[in-house]
């Protein structure tokens, strides 16, 4: 048993603690944190793909395409755009997503080379209001 003495101010002295138990508890806590982080990421990715998220983005943008300024409707369709690319550390959070017309989305990616910061020229939808 690896016992270490730790200060116990309320008891007015030192308390022997099994160091292995402390290490196991910290490792267990780290595993739980990682699991919770992975679950939160999974939920966030699912939310970004949901219809509710698209409606939220549409309302934040006042139904307008930030690229061309025209209305986004059922007839025109829409495409979800990551302002900061996921490949460069961008997330699936709503603050990093925008709705664009499918043609505008293709044009935007065709104009700037892949991985170019110019893709981030549009402001996040949640800051439009």
C-alpha atoms as a PDB file:
ATOM      1  CA  UNK A   1       0.000   0.000   0.000  1.00  0.00           C
ATOM      2  CA  UNK A   2       1.348   3.432  -0.982  1.00  0.00           C
ATOM      3  CA  UNK A   3       0.230   5.678   1.822  1.00  0.00           C
ATOM      4  CA  UNK A   4       1.022   9.360   1.812  1.00  0.00           C
ATOM      5  CA  UNK A   5       0.288  11.896   4.482  1.00  0.00           C
ATOM      6  CA  UNK A   6      -1.883  14.838   3.515  1.00  0.00           C
ATOM      7  CA  UNK A   7      -2.735  17.834   5.694  1.00  0.00           C
ATOM      8  CA  UNK A   8      -6.114  17.646   7.416  1.00  0.00           C
ATOM      9  CA  UNK A   9      -6.735  21.135   8.814  1.00  0.00           C
ATOM     10  CA  UNK A  10     -10.141  20.308  10.304  1.00  0.00           C
ATOM     11  CA  UNK A  11      -8.638  17.409  12.239  1.00  0.00           C
ATOM     12  CA  UNK A  12      -5.574  19.441  13.197  1.00  0.00           C
ATOM     13  CA  UNK A  13      -2.975  17.090  11.822  1.00  0.00           C
ATOM     14  CA  UNK A  14      -2.085  14.697   9.028  1.00  0.00           C
ATOM     15  CA  UNK A  15      -4.200  12.012   7.427  1.00  0.00           C
ATOM     16  CA  UNK A  16      -2.792   8.872   5.749  1.00  0.00           C
ATOM     17  CA  UNK A  17      -4.241   8.371   2.247  1.00  0.00           C
ATOM     18  CA  UNK A  18      -3.802   5.402  -0.095  1.00  0.00           C
ATOM     19  CA  UNK A  19      -2.188   7.009  -3.163  1.00  0.00           C
ATOM     20  CA  UNK A  20      -3.304   4.220  -5.521  1.00  0.00           C
ATOM     21  CA  UNK A  21      -6.950   4.949  -4.698  1.00  0.00           C
ATOM     22  CA  UNK A  22      -6.397   8.632  -5.455  1.00  0.00           C
ATOM     23  CA  UNK A  23      -4.782   7.788  -8.807  1.00  0.00           C
ATOM     24  CA  UNK A  24      -7.605   5.384  -9.734  1.00  0.00           C
ATOM     25  CA  UNK A  25     -10.260   7.957  -8.838  1.00  0.00           C
ATOM     26  CA  UNK A  26      -8.553  10.658 -10.932  1.00  0.00           C
ATOM     27  CA  UNK A  27      -8.236   8.283 -13.907  1.00  0.00           C
ATOM     28  CA  UNK A  28     -11.903   7.301 -13.572  1.00  0.00           C
ATOM     29  CA  UNK A  29     -12.882  10.964 -13.485  1.00  0.00           C
ATOM     30  CA  UNK A  30     -10.809  11.663 -16.618  1.00  0.00           C
ATOM     31  CA  UNK A  31     -12.485   8.767 -18.448  1.00  0.00           C
ATOM     32  CA  UNK A  32     -15.919  10.090 -17.486  1.00  0.00           C
ATOM     33  CA  UNK A  33     -14.975  13.585 -18.686  1.00  0.00           C
ATOM     34  CA  UNK A  34     -13.776  12.245 -22.037  1.00  0.00           C
ATOM     35  CA  UNK A  35     -16.939  10.212 -22.423  1.00  0.00           C
ATOM     36  CA  UNK A  36     -19.116  13.239 -21.616  1.00  0.00           C
ATOM     37  CA  UNK A  37     -17.125  15.380 -24.082  1.00  0.00           C
ATOM     38  CA  UNK A  38     -17.576  12.791 -26.844  1.00  0.00           C
ATOM     39  CA  UNK A  39     -21.306  12.595 -26.109  1.00  0.00           C
ATOM     40  CA  UNK A  40     -21.639  16.395 -26.214  1.00  0.00           C
ATOM     41  CA  UNK A  41     -19.806  16.486 -29.560  1.00  0.00           C
ATOM     42  CA  UNK A  42     -22.105  13.780 -30.939  1.00  0.00           C
ATOM     43  CA  UNK A  43     -25.195  15.710 -29.804  1.00  0.00           C
ATOM     44  CA  UNK A  44     -23.848  18.935 -31.306  1.00  0.00           C
ATOM     45  CA  UNK A  45     -23.173  17.239 -34.661  1.00  0.00           C
ATOM     46  CA  UNK A  46     -26.697  15.797 -34.607  1.00  0.00           C
ATOM     47  CA  UNK A  47     -28.183  19.190 -33.817  1.00  0.00           C
ATOM     48  CA  UNK A  48     -26.315  20.794 -36.721  1.00  0.00           C
ATOM     49  CA  UNK A  49     -27.947  18.289 -39.078  1.00  0.00           C
ATOM     50  CA  UNK A  50     -31.442  18.672 -37.627  1.00  0.00           C
ATOM     51  CA  UNK A  51     -34.276  20.515 -39.322  1.00  0.00           C
ATOM     52  CA  UNK A  52     -34.735  22.608 -36.164  1.00  0.00           C
ATOM     53  CA  UNK A  53     -31.199  23.961 -36.540  1.00  0.00           C
ATOM     54  CA  UNK A  54     -31.876  24.891 -40.154  1.00  0.00           C
ATOM     55  CA  UNK A  55     -35.049  26.742 -39.178  1.00  0.00           C
ATOM     56  CA  UNK A  56     -33.093  28.561 -36.454  1.00  0.00           C
ATOM     57  CA  UNK A  57     -30.378  29.602 -38.924  1.00  0.00           C
ATOM     58  CA  UNK A  58     -32.991  30.660 -41.480  1.00  0.00           C
ATOM     59  CA  UNK A  59     -34.688  32.904 -38.901  1.00  0.00           C
ATOM     60  CA  UNK A  60     -31.359  34.367 -37.744  1.00  0.00           C
ATOM     61  CA  UNK A  61     -30.569  35.278 -41.343  1.00  0.00           C
ATOM     62  CA  UNK A  62     -34.074  36.704 -41.915  1.00  0.00           C
ATOM     63  CA  UNK A  63     -34.585  34.126 -44.658  1.00  0.00           C
ATOM     64  CA  UNK A  64     -31.806  35.695 -46.751  1.00  0.00           C
ATOM     65  CA  UNK A  65     -28.734  34.100 -48.294  1.00  0.00           C
ATOM     66  CA  UNK A  66     -25.726  36.015 -46.879  1.00  0.00           C
ATOM     67  CA  UNK A  67     -23.796  35.396 -50.116  1.00  0.00           C
ATOM     68  CA  UNK A  68     -26.224  36.814 -52.691  1.00  0.00           C
ATOM     69  CA  UNK A  69     -28.805  38.555 -50.474  1.00  0.00           C
ATOM     70  CA  UNK A  70     -31.814  36.816 -52.061  1.00  0.00           C
ATOM     71  CA  UNK A  71     -34.511  34.909 -50.187  1.00  0.00           C
ATOM     72  CA  UNK A  72     -33.975  31.264 -49.238  1.00  0.00           C
ATOM     73  CA  UNK A  73     -37.198  29.326 -49.870  1.00  0.00           C
ATOM     74  CA  UNK A  74     -38.365  25.741 -50.286  1.00  0.00           C
ATOM     75  CA  UNK A  75     -38.179  26.254 -54.040  1.00  0.00           C
ATOM     76  CA  UNK A  76     -34.592  27.585 -54.049  1.00  0.00           C
ATOM     77  CA  UNK A  77     -33.383  25.052 -51.495  1.00  0.00           C
ATOM     78  CA  UNK A  78     -30.519  25.546 -49.071  1.00  0.00           C
ATOM     79  CA  UNK A  79     -27.128  24.205 -48.158  1.00  0.00           C
ATOM     80  CA  UNK A  80     -25.397  24.365 -44.764  1.00  0.00           C
ATOM     81  CA  UNK A  81     -22.018  26.101 -44.872  1.00  0.00           C
ATOM     82  CA  UNK A  82     -19.299  25.948 -42.191  1.00  0.00           C
ATOM     83  CA  UNK A  83     -17.846  29.439 -41.833  1.00  0.00           C
ATOM     84  CA  UNK A  84     -14.613  28.122 -40.360  1.00  0.00           C
ATOM     85  CA  UNK A  85     -13.962  24.744 -42.037  1.00  0.00           C
ATOM     86  CA  UNK A  86     -14.074  21.690 -39.799  1.00  0.00           C
ATOM     87  CA  UNK A  87     -10.749  20.622 -41.291  1.00  0.00           C
ATOM     88  CA  UNK A  88      -9.228  23.740 -39.733  1.00  0.00           C
ATOM     89  CA  UNK A  89     -10.739  23.321 -36.291  1.00  0.00           C
ATOM     90  CA  UNK A  90     -14.194  24.745 -37.004  1.00  0.00           C
ATOM     91  CA  UNK A  91     -17.077  23.160 -35.140  1.00  0.00           C
ATOM     92  CA  UNK A  92     -20.620  22.072 -35.901  1.00  0.00           C
ATOM     93  CA  UNK A  93     -21.971  24.683 -33.488  1.00  0.00           C
ATOM     94  CA  UNK A  94     -24.727  26.943 -34.777  1.00  0.00           C
ATOM     95  CA  UNK A  95     -22.395  29.941 -34.450  1.00  0.00           C
ATOM     96  CA  UNK A  96     -20.217  28.408 -37.170  1.00  0.00           C
ATOM     97  CA  UNK A  97     -23.010  27.523 -39.621  1.00  0.00           C
ATOM     98  CA  UNK A  98     -24.895  29.426 -42.297  1.00  0.00           C
ATOM     99  CA  UNK A  99     -27.584  28.584 -44.817  1.00  0.00           C
ATOM    100  CA  UNK A 100     -26.722  29.385 -48.418  1.00  0.00           C
ATOM    101  CA  UNK A 101     -28.396  28.629 -51.739  1.00  0.00           C
ATOM    102  CA  UNK A 102     -26.850  25.434 -53.167  1.00  0.00           C
ATOM    103  CA  UNK A 103     -25.477  27.386 -56.162  1.00  0.00           C
ATOM    104  CA  UNK A 104     -24.054  30.104 -53.886  1.00  0.00           C
ATOM    105  CA  UNK A 105     -22.418  27.426 -51.749  1.00  0.00           C
ATOM    106  CA  UNK A 106     -20.776  25.845 -54.802  1.00  0.00           C
ATOM    107  CA  UNK A 107     -19.659  29.270 -56.058  1.00  0.00           C
ATOM    108  CA  UNK A 108     -18.203  30.206 -52.689  1.00  0.00           C
ATOM    109  CA  UNK A 109     -16.090  27.050 -52.519  1.00  0.00           C
ATOM    110  CA  UNK A 110     -15.088  27.319 -56.188  1.00  0.00           C
ATOM    111  CA  UNK A 111     -13.838  30.915 -55.789  1.00  0.00           C
ATOM    112  CA  UNK A 112     -11.530  30.295 -52.834  1.00  0.00           C
ATOM    113  CA  UNK A 113      -9.020  27.430 -52.735  1.00  0.00           C
ATOM    114  CA  UNK A 114      -9.644  24.702 -50.151  1.00  0.00           C
ATOM    115  CA  UNK A 115      -8.476  25.681 -46.703  1.00  0.00           C
ATOM    116  CA  UNK A 116      -8.359  29.373 -47.593  1.00  0.00           C
ATOM    117  CA  UNK A 117      -9.313  31.796 -44.799  1.00  0.00           C
ATOM    118  CA  UNK A 118     -11.303  33.760 -47.394  1.00  0.00           C
ATOM    119  CA  UNK A 119     -14.049  31.168 -46.903  1.00  0.00           C
ATOM    120  CA  UNK A 120     -14.628  32.772 -43.524  1.00  0.00           C
ATOM    121  CA  UNK A 121     -15.526  36.102 -45.156  1.00  0.00           C
ATOM    122  CA  UNK A 122     -19.185  35.740 -44.180  1.00  0.00           C
ATOM    123  CA  UNK A 123     -20.229  36.561 -40.645  1.00  0.00           C
ATOM    124  CA  UNK A 124     -21.732  33.822 -38.475  1.00  0.00           C
ATOM    125  CA  UNK A 125     -25.510  33.730 -38.702  1.00  0.00           C
ATOM    126  CA  UNK A 126     -26.072  34.112 -34.970  1.00  0.00           C
ATOM    127  CA  UNK A 127     -24.342  37.487 -35.046  1.00  0.00           C
ATOM    128  CA  UNK A 128     -26.491  38.859 -37.874  1.00  0.00           C
ATOM    129  CA  UNK A 129     -29.072  40.318 -35.491  1.00  0.00           C
END
